[in-house]
Protein backbone atom coordinates (compact mmCIF):
# COMPACT_ATOMS: atom_id res chain seq x y z
CA MET A 1 103.52 81.61 93.34
CA LYS A 2 101.36 84.37 93.84
CA VAL A 3 101.27 86.28 97.41
CA SER A 4 98.90 88.79 98.74
CA LEU A 5 100.55 91.00 101.27
CA PHE A 6 98.50 91.52 104.46
CA ILE A 7 100.10 94.67 105.84
CA THR A 8 98.29 94.84 109.47
CA CYS A 9 97.32 98.16 110.91
CA MET A 10 100.50 98.86 112.84
CA CYS A 11 102.85 98.09 110.13
CA ASP A 12 100.40 100.25 107.90
CA ILE A 13 100.28 103.23 109.96
CA ILE A 14 103.55 103.28 111.95
CA GLY A 15 106.00 100.86 110.40
CA SER A 16 105.36 101.24 106.79
CA ASP A 17 109.28 100.19 105.88
CA VAL A 18 108.37 96.67 107.40
CA GLY A 19 105.83 96.18 104.47
CA LYS A 20 108.57 97.25 102.13
CA HIS A 21 111.03 94.71 103.27
CA THR A 22 108.50 92.15 103.35
CA VAL A 23 107.63 92.48 99.90
CA GLU A 24 111.24 92.52 98.82
CA LEU A 25 112.06 89.48 100.70
CA LEU A 26 109.10 87.53 99.26
CA GLU A 27 110.12 89.05 95.78
CA LYS A 28 113.75 87.84 96.16
CA ALA A 29 112.13 84.32 96.93
CA GLY A 30 110.69 84.22 93.42
CA CYS A 31 107.03 85.36 94.57
CA GLU A 32 104.78 87.56 92.56
CA VAL A 33 103.16 90.13 95.68
CA ASP A 34 100.12 91.98 95.18
CA PHE A 35 98.30 94.40 97.68
CA PRO A 36 94.45 93.97 97.81
CA GLU A 37 93.51 97.49 98.81
CA ALA A 38 90.27 96.37 100.50
CA GLN A 39 91.98 94.62 103.30
CA THR A 40 91.37 96.42 106.98
CA CYS A 41 92.13 95.50 110.61
CA CYS A 42 91.81 91.90 111.26
CA GLY A 43 89.25 92.52 114.02
CA GLN A 44 91.60 91.39 116.78
CA PRO A 45 91.53 94.56 119.20
CA ALA A 46 87.29 94.59 118.94
CA PHE A 47 87.30 90.60 119.44
CA ASN A 48 89.93 90.53 122.22
CA SER A 49 87.96 93.51 123.97
CA GLY A 50 84.64 91.28 123.71
CA TYR A 51 83.04 93.10 120.83
CA LEU A 52 82.41 89.99 118.93
CA GLN A 53 79.59 91.41 116.47
CA ASP A 54 81.77 94.42 115.92
CA SER A 55 84.67 92.34 115.08
CA LYS A 56 82.97 90.10 112.95
CA LYS A 57 82.35 93.25 110.44
CA ALA A 58 86.09 93.58 110.11
CA MET A 59 86.63 89.93 109.72
CA LYS A 60 84.10 89.44 106.78
CA GLN A 61 85.97 92.57 105.04
CA MET A 62 89.35 90.68 105.34
CA MET A 63 87.57 87.64 103.82
CA ARG A 64 86.08 89.49 100.98
CA ALA A 65 89.57 91.29 100.30
CA PHE A 66 91.46 88.12 100.16
CA LYS A 67 88.95 85.69 98.74
CA ASP A 68 90.95 85.23 95.37
CA ALA A 69 94.50 85.34 97.12
CA GLU A 70 96.63 82.10 96.67
CA TYR A 71 98.55 83.11 100.01
CA VAL A 72 98.19 85.52 102.54
CA VAL A 73 101.38 86.68 103.98
CA GLY A 74 102.00 89.10 106.80
CA PRO A 75 104.70 90.43 109.10
CA SER A 76 102.87 89.86 112.46
CA GLY A 77 102.34 86.60 114.47
CA SER A 78 99.73 88.22 116.08
CA CYS A 79 97.58 89.60 113.33
CA VAL A 80 98.18 86.31 111.27
CA GLY A 81 97.19 84.39 114.37
CA MET A 82 93.93 86.43 114.37
CA LEU A 83 93.29 85.00 110.83
CA ARG A 84 93.80 81.59 112.12
CA GLU A 85 91.06 82.02 114.51
CA TYR A 86 88.47 83.04 112.13
CA PRO A 87 86.96 79.28 111.54
CA LYS A 88 86.32 79.14 115.50
CA VAL A 89 84.37 82.45 115.36
CA PHE A 90 82.51 81.68 112.10
CA ARG A 91 81.86 77.75 112.95
CA GLY A 92 78.36 76.58 111.76
CA ASP A 93 77.68 79.99 109.93
CA PRO A 94 76.23 78.65 106.62
CA GLU A 95 77.53 81.80 104.88
CA TRP A 96 80.77 82.62 105.98
CA GLU A 97 82.39 79.35 107.62
CA GLU A 98 83.83 78.14 104.45
CA GLN A 99 85.72 81.44 103.52
CA ALA A 100 87.02 81.35 106.93
CA ASN A 101 88.48 78.13 106.80
CA ASN A 102 90.05 79.04 103.29
CA LEU A 103 91.45 82.23 104.34
CA ALA A 104 92.86 80.55 107.44
CA ALA A 105 94.52 77.74 105.67
CA LYS A 106 96.27 79.95 103.11
CA SER A 107 97.51 82.77 105.77
CA TYR A 108 101.06 82.83 107.03
CA GLU A 109 103.45 84.84 108.91
CA VAL A 110 106.38 85.88 106.76
CA THR A 111 109.09 84.05 108.45
CA GLN A 112 106.73 80.86 108.76
CA PHE A 113 106.14 81.12 104.81
CA LEU A 114 109.72 81.27 104.05
CA VAL A 115 110.79 78.42 105.91
CA ASP A 116 107.70 75.97 105.89
CA VAL A 117 106.31 76.79 102.42
CA LEU A 118 109.15 77.87 100.30
CA GLY A 119 111.54 75.85 102.35
CA ILE A 120 114.03 78.84 102.61
CA GLU A 121 116.26 78.94 105.93
CA ASP A 122 118.93 81.35 104.40
CA VAL A 123 117.77 84.69 102.35
CA GLY A 124 121.53 85.42 101.84
CA ALA A 125 121.44 88.51 104.35
CA THR A 126 124.34 90.20 106.30
CA PHE A 127 123.95 92.09 109.34
CA ASN A 128 126.88 93.11 111.64
CA GLY A 129 125.97 93.53 115.25
CA ARG A 130 125.29 91.80 118.71
CA VAL A 131 121.40 91.03 118.51
CA THR A 132 118.82 89.10 120.77
CA TYR A 133 115.42 88.09 119.55
CA HIS A 134 111.93 88.55 121.49
CA PRO A 135 109.36 85.71 120.48
CA SER A 136 105.85 87.33 120.98
CA CYS A 137 103.19 85.53 122.65
CA HIS A 138 100.88 85.59 119.94
CA MET A 139 103.42 84.38 117.49
CA THR A 140 104.33 81.31 119.78
CA ARG A 141 101.21 80.62 121.64
CA VAL A 142 98.40 81.43 119.18
CA LEU A 143 100.30 80.85 115.71
CA GLY A 144 102.89 78.32 116.79
CA VAL A 145 105.94 79.81 115.12
CA LYS A 146 108.79 79.15 117.27
CA ASP A 147 111.44 77.63 115.13
CA ALA A 148 111.07 79.70 111.63
CA PRO A 149 112.54 82.94 113.02
CA GLN A 150 115.38 81.31 114.55
CA LYS A 151 116.32 79.30 111.47
CA LEU A 152 116.43 82.38 109.40
CA LEU A 153 118.30 84.51 111.86
CA ARG A 154 121.06 81.86 112.76
CA ASN A 155 121.81 82.00 108.86
CA VAL A 156 122.39 85.73 108.89
CA LYS A 157 126.01 86.40 108.09
CA GLY A 158 127.99 88.52 110.54
CA MET A 159 125.39 88.42 113.10
CA ASP A 160 126.14 87.75 117.00
CA LEU A 161 122.78 86.06 117.92
CA ILE A 162 122.53 86.15 121.83
CA GLU A 163 119.65 84.10 123.56
CA LEU A 164 117.27 86.65 125.43
CA PRO A 165 116.94 85.37 129.21
CA LEU A 166 113.21 84.05 129.89
CA ALA A 167 112.35 84.85 126.08
CA GLU A 168 108.99 83.27 126.17
CA ASP A 169 107.88 85.62 129.13
CA CYS A 170 105.27 88.26 128.04
CA CYS A 171 106.20 91.84 127.34
CA GLY A 172 103.36 93.05 128.70
CA PHE A 173 101.94 94.52 125.89
CA GLY A 174 98.83 92.44 125.01
CA GLY A 175 96.99 95.04 123.14
CA THR A 176 94.21 96.41 125.22
CA PHE A 177 95.77 94.61 128.44
CA ALA A 178 98.56 97.23 128.53
CA VAL A 179 95.50 99.77 129.03
CA LYS A 180 93.34 97.92 131.19
CA ASN A 181 96.31 96.59 133.52
CA SER A 182 98.41 99.13 133.20
CA VAL A 183 100.58 98.86 136.26
CA ILE A 184 100.94 94.73 135.86
CA SER A 185 101.91 95.78 132.19
CA GLY A 186 104.51 98.33 133.31
CA GLU A 187 106.07 95.69 135.81
CA MET A 188 106.17 92.89 132.80
CA VAL A 189 107.99 95.28 130.57
CA ARG A 190 110.33 96.63 133.14
CA GLU A 191 111.44 92.89 133.40
CA LYS A 192 111.62 92.21 129.82
CA SER A 193 113.89 95.42 129.67
CA GLN A 194 116.05 94.07 132.34
CA HIS A 195 116.47 90.52 130.34
CA VAL A 196 117.31 92.46 127.31
CA SER A 197 119.99 94.32 128.95
CA GLU A 198 121.47 91.34 130.22
CA THR A 199 122.39 90.12 126.89
CA ARG A 200 124.39 93.28 126.24
CA ALA A 201 123.04 93.39 122.82
CA GLU A 202 122.89 96.50 120.22
CA TYR A 203 119.65 95.43 118.79
CA LEU A 204 116.40 93.71 119.84
CA ILE A 205 114.79 92.04 117.07
CA GLY A 206 111.05 90.63 116.79
CA GLY A 207 108.21 89.66 114.63
CA ASP A 208 105.53 91.89 116.21
CA MET A 209 105.97 95.50 116.06
CA ALA A 210 103.52 96.28 118.86
CA CYS A 211 105.82 94.41 121.35
CA LEU A 212 108.76 95.82 119.89
CA TYR A 213 107.38 99.32 120.28
CA ASN A 214 106.42 98.41 124.02
CA ILE A 215 109.77 97.08 124.85
CA GLY A 216 111.69 99.85 122.92
CA GLY A 217 109.52 102.57 124.62
CA ARG A 218 110.62 101.28 127.92
CA MET A 219 114.19 101.05 127.27
CA THR A 220 114.37 104.48 126.12
CA ARG A 221 112.55 105.90 129.09
CA GLU A 222 115.33 103.83 131.00
CA GLY A 223 118.12 105.71 129.15
CA LYS A 224 119.08 102.48 127.59
CA ASN A 225 120.78 102.56 124.09
CA ILE A 226 119.20 99.76 122.21
CA LYS A 227 117.73 99.84 118.65
CA ILE A 228 114.55 97.86 118.09
CA LEU A 229 114.32 96.24 114.52
CA HIS A 230 111.49 93.75 112.90
CA ILE A 231 112.97 90.71 111.69
CA THR A 232 112.19 91.46 108.18
CA GLU A 233 114.50 94.66 108.55
CA VAL A 234 117.38 92.33 109.35
CA LEU A 235 116.60 89.45 106.77
CA ASN A 236 116.32 91.87 103.84
CA HIS A 237 119.79 93.79 104.92
CA GLN A 238 122.73 93.23 102.36
């Protein structure tokens, strides 16, 4: 099975190790992974800010980049969720509607791909520590991925997985929301930090780096000693 890696802006610029772990997980699962270098931003920041025409430029480039891909897999529920929105954006467009539908149909977040496409729920990982998992909003609400990350984490040997109180509450990031509504965002991440602390976890795990950086940054400013890890870093740990 051939898979094309959708690295996402956040992982490409800040969390490159996440891309490495994603590729290694897919290769261990028997996939042949390539990296289309023509890929760029999925268009989500511009789209969510109301700049539809500007966002379409990025979306069209993504459709060109992944036109020949068998599957497209990325380490972000938020960004893959945006790819799944392309058919709505290009509905009725005689040139791009079919390509939008094709890209959306073959695009998956990495845990979703492992569980729902490959049928893998145990990747053979071992990770010693007390952890809690934050299900990001776009992962659960836009993409609809709720069970796959949990199934994989429950099969990690040595891990003490603690349920996060009010787990599905937003962390307050929301892309430009954190900029335009900074006071509200700050209160939301303060609550999320408190809930993470209640678990007494050593590690906070998530599937979207932006949310993890938001929560981790708040906890660091509060003097709390907790490490943030993308879920691929745990699933690829031996």
